Amino acid sequence: MTSRPAMIKTTFLKYTVLALGICLALPSVAAPLDTGGLRLDKVVLVMRHGIRPATDT
């Protein structure tokens, strides 16, 4: 059985890697949607439902 500090360290590492992955993935998801800036509502649609809304042109 692993010790408690080792478990805390691995959990922290997992969440750090997950957060880094999300931060790196967000610009690539948001960039094709809106060139005027990051539109969080559109990013949420794509991430949750896979829906790409029409661009505002």
N, C-alpha and C. Protein backbone atom coordinates (compact mmCIF):
# COMPACT_ATOMS: atom_id res chain seq x y z
N MET A 1 0.85 -1.18 0.00
CA MET A 1 0.00 0.00 0.00
C MET A 1 0.89 1.25 0.00
N THR A 2 0.51 2.23 -0.78
CA THR A 2 1.32 3.45 -0.85
C THR A 2 1.01 4.36 0.32
N SER A 3 1.98 5.16 0.67
CA SER A 3 1.80 6.08 1.79
C SER A 3 0.94 7.27 1.37
N ARG A 4 0.39 7.93 2.35
CA ARG A 4 -0.51 9.07 2.08
C ARG A 4 0.19 10.21 1.33
N PRO A 5 1.40 10.64 1.71
CA PRO A 5 2.07 11.70 0.95
C PRO A 5 2.31 11.32 -0.52
N ALA A 6 2.60 10.05 -0.77
CA ALA A 6 2.82 9.61 -2.15
C ALA A 6 1.53 9.68 -2.95
N MET A 7 0.41 9.33 -2.31
CA MET A 7 -0.89 9.40 -2.98
C MET A 7 -1.26 10.85 -3.29
N ILE A 8 -0.99 11.75 -2.36
CA ILE A 8 -1.29 13.16 -2.57
C ILE A 8 -0.44 13.71 -3.71
N LYS A 9 0.82 13.30 -3.75
CA LYS A 9 1.73 13.77 -4.80
C LYS A 9 1.27 13.28 -6.18
N THR A 10 0.86 12.01 -6.28
CA THR A 10 0.41 11.50 -7.58
C THR A 10 -0.90 12.14 -8.00
N THR A 11 -1.79 12.37 -7.07
CA THR A 11 -3.06 13.03 -7.40
C THR A 11 -2.80 14.45 -7.88
N PHE A 12 -1.94 15.16 -7.19
CA PHE A 12 -1.59 16.52 -7.59
C PHE A 12 -0.98 16.52 -8.99
N LEU A 13 -0.10 15.58 -9.26
CA LEU A 13 0.55 15.48 -10.56
C LEU A 13 -0.48 15.21 -11.66
N LYS A 14 -1.43 14.30 -11.39
CA LYS A 14 -2.46 13.99 -12.38
C LYS A 14 -3.29 15.23 -12.73
N TYR A 15 -3.72 15.96 -11.70
CA TYR A 15 -4.54 17.14 -11.96
C TYR A 15 -3.74 18.26 -12.61
N THR A 16 -2.46 18.35 -12.32
CA THR A 16 -1.61 19.36 -12.96
C THR A 16 -1.48 19.06 -14.45
N VAL A 17 -1.26 17.81 -14.79
CA VAL A 17 -1.15 17.42 -16.20
C VAL A 17 -2.48 17.63 -16.91
N LEU A 18 -3.58 17.30 -16.25
CA LEU A 18 -4.90 17.52 -16.84
C LEU A 18 -5.15 19.00 -17.11
N ALA A 19 -4.84 19.86 -16.14
CA ALA A 19 -5.03 21.30 -16.31
C ALA A 19 -4.15 21.84 -17.44
N LEU A 20 -2.93 21.36 -17.52
CA LEU A 20 -2.03 21.79 -18.59
C LEU A 20 -2.57 21.37 -19.96
N GLY A 21 -3.08 20.16 -20.04
CA GLY A 21 -3.66 19.68 -21.29
C GLY A 21 -4.85 20.51 -21.73
N ILE A 22 -5.70 20.89 -20.77
CA ILE A 22 -6.86 21.72 -21.09
C ILE A 22 -6.41 23.09 -21.58
N CYS A 23 -5.43 23.67 -20.90
CA CYS A 23 -4.93 25.00 -21.29
C CYS A 23 -4.31 24.98 -22.68
N LEU A 24 -3.67 23.89 -23.03
CA LEU A 24 -3.06 23.79 -24.36
C LEU A 24 -4.10 23.48 -25.43
N ALA A 25 -5.17 22.78 -25.07
CA ALA A 25 -6.18 22.39 -26.05
C ALA A 25 -7.18 23.50 -26.34
N LEU A 26 -7.45 24.37 -25.38
CA LEU A 26 -8.48 25.40 -25.57
C LEU A 26 -8.23 26.33 -26.76
N PRO A 27 -7.03 26.86 -26.95
CA PRO A 27 -6.83 27.75 -28.10
C PRO A 27 -7.07 27.06 -29.44
N SER A 28 -6.71 25.79 -29.57
CA SER A 28 -6.91 25.09 -30.83
C SER A 28 -8.39 24.81 -31.08
N VAL A 29 -9.18 24.70 -30.02
CA VAL A 29 -10.62 24.50 -30.18
C VAL A 29 -11.30 25.83 -30.48
N ALA A 30 -10.87 26.89 -29.81
CA ALA A 30 -11.54 28.18 -29.93
C ALA A 30 -11.14 28.95 -31.18
N ALA A 31 -9.92 28.78 -31.66
CA ALA A 31 -9.43 29.57 -32.78
C ALA A 31 -10.28 29.44 -34.05
N PRO A 32 -10.68 28.24 -34.47
CA PRO A 32 -11.49 28.17 -35.68
C PRO A 32 -12.89 28.77 -35.52
N LEU A 33 -13.35 28.90 -34.28
CA LEU A 33 -14.72 29.36 -34.06
C LEU A 33 -14.86 30.86 -34.21
N ASP A 34 -13.93 31.60 -33.66
CA ASP A 34 -14.08 33.05 -33.63
C ASP A 34 -12.71 33.71 -33.65
N THR A 35 -12.42 34.43 -34.71
CA THR A 35 -11.11 35.08 -34.80
C THR A 35 -11.07 36.39 -34.03
N GLY A 36 -12.22 36.87 -33.56
CA GLY A 36 -12.28 38.12 -32.82
C GLY A 36 -11.91 37.97 -31.36
N GLY A 37 -11.65 36.78 -30.90
CA GLY A 37 -11.31 36.55 -29.50
C GLY A 37 -11.95 35.27 -29.00
N LEU A 38 -11.63 34.92 -27.78
CA LEU A 38 -12.14 33.68 -27.19
C LEU A 38 -13.59 33.89 -26.75
N ARG A 39 -14.49 33.15 -27.34
CA ARG A 39 -15.90 33.22 -26.97
C ARG A 39 -16.21 31.97 -26.17
N LEU A 40 -16.34 32.11 -24.86
CA LEU A 40 -16.50 30.96 -23.97
C LEU A 40 -17.77 30.19 -24.26
N ASP A 41 -18.85 30.86 -24.62
CA ASP A 41 -20.10 30.14 -24.89
C ASP A 41 -19.94 29.18 -26.06
N LYS A 42 -19.19 29.57 -27.08
CA LYS A 42 -18.97 28.69 -28.22
C LYS A 42 -18.04 27.54 -27.86
N VAL A 43 -17.03 27.82 -27.05
CA VAL A 43 -16.10 26.77 -26.63
C VAL A 43 -16.85 25.72 -25.82
N VAL A 44 -17.74 26.15 -24.95
CA VAL A 44 -18.51 25.21 -24.13
C VAL A 44 -19.40 24.34 -25.01
N LEU A 45 -20.03 24.92 -26.04
CA LEU A 45 -20.85 24.14 -26.96
C LEU A 45 -20.04 23.04 -27.63
N VAL A 46 -18.86 23.39 -28.09
CA VAL A 46 -18.02 22.41 -28.78
C VAL A 46 -17.54 21.34 -27.82
N MET A 47 -17.09 21.75 -26.62
CA MET A 47 -16.52 20.78 -25.68
C MET A 47 -17.59 19.84 -25.12
N ARG A 48 -18.76 20.35 -24.82
CA ARG A 48 -19.81 19.51 -24.21
C ARG A 48 -20.57 18.70 -25.24
N HIS A 49 -20.89 19.30 -26.38
CA HIS A 49 -21.82 18.66 -27.30
C HIS A 49 -21.23 18.35 -28.67
N GLY A 50 -20.04 18.84 -28.95
CA GLY A 50 -19.45 18.63 -30.26
C GLY A 50 -20.12 19.46 -31.34
N ILE A 51 -20.85 20.51 -30.93
CA ILE A 51 -21.58 21.36 -31.88
C ILE A 51 -20.72 22.57 -32.22
N ARG A 52 -20.56 22.82 -33.49
CA ARG A 52 -19.86 24.03 -33.93
C ARG A 52 -20.90 25.01 -34.44
N PRO A 53 -21.18 26.07 -33.67
CA PRO A 53 -22.19 27.04 -34.11
C PRO A 53 -21.71 27.84 -35.32
N ALA A 54 -22.66 28.42 -36.03
CA ALA A 54 -22.33 29.23 -37.20
C ALA A 54 -21.49 30.44 -36.77
N THR A 55 -20.53 30.81 -37.59
CA THR A 55 -19.69 31.96 -37.27
C THR A 55 -20.45 33.24 -37.55
N ASP A 56 -20.12 34.29 -36.81
CA ASP A 56 -20.76 35.59 -36.98
C ASP A 56 -20.08 36.36 -38.11
N THR A 57 -20.64 36.29 -39.31
CA THR A 57 -20.07 37.03 -40.44
C THR A 57 -21.12 37.90 -41.08
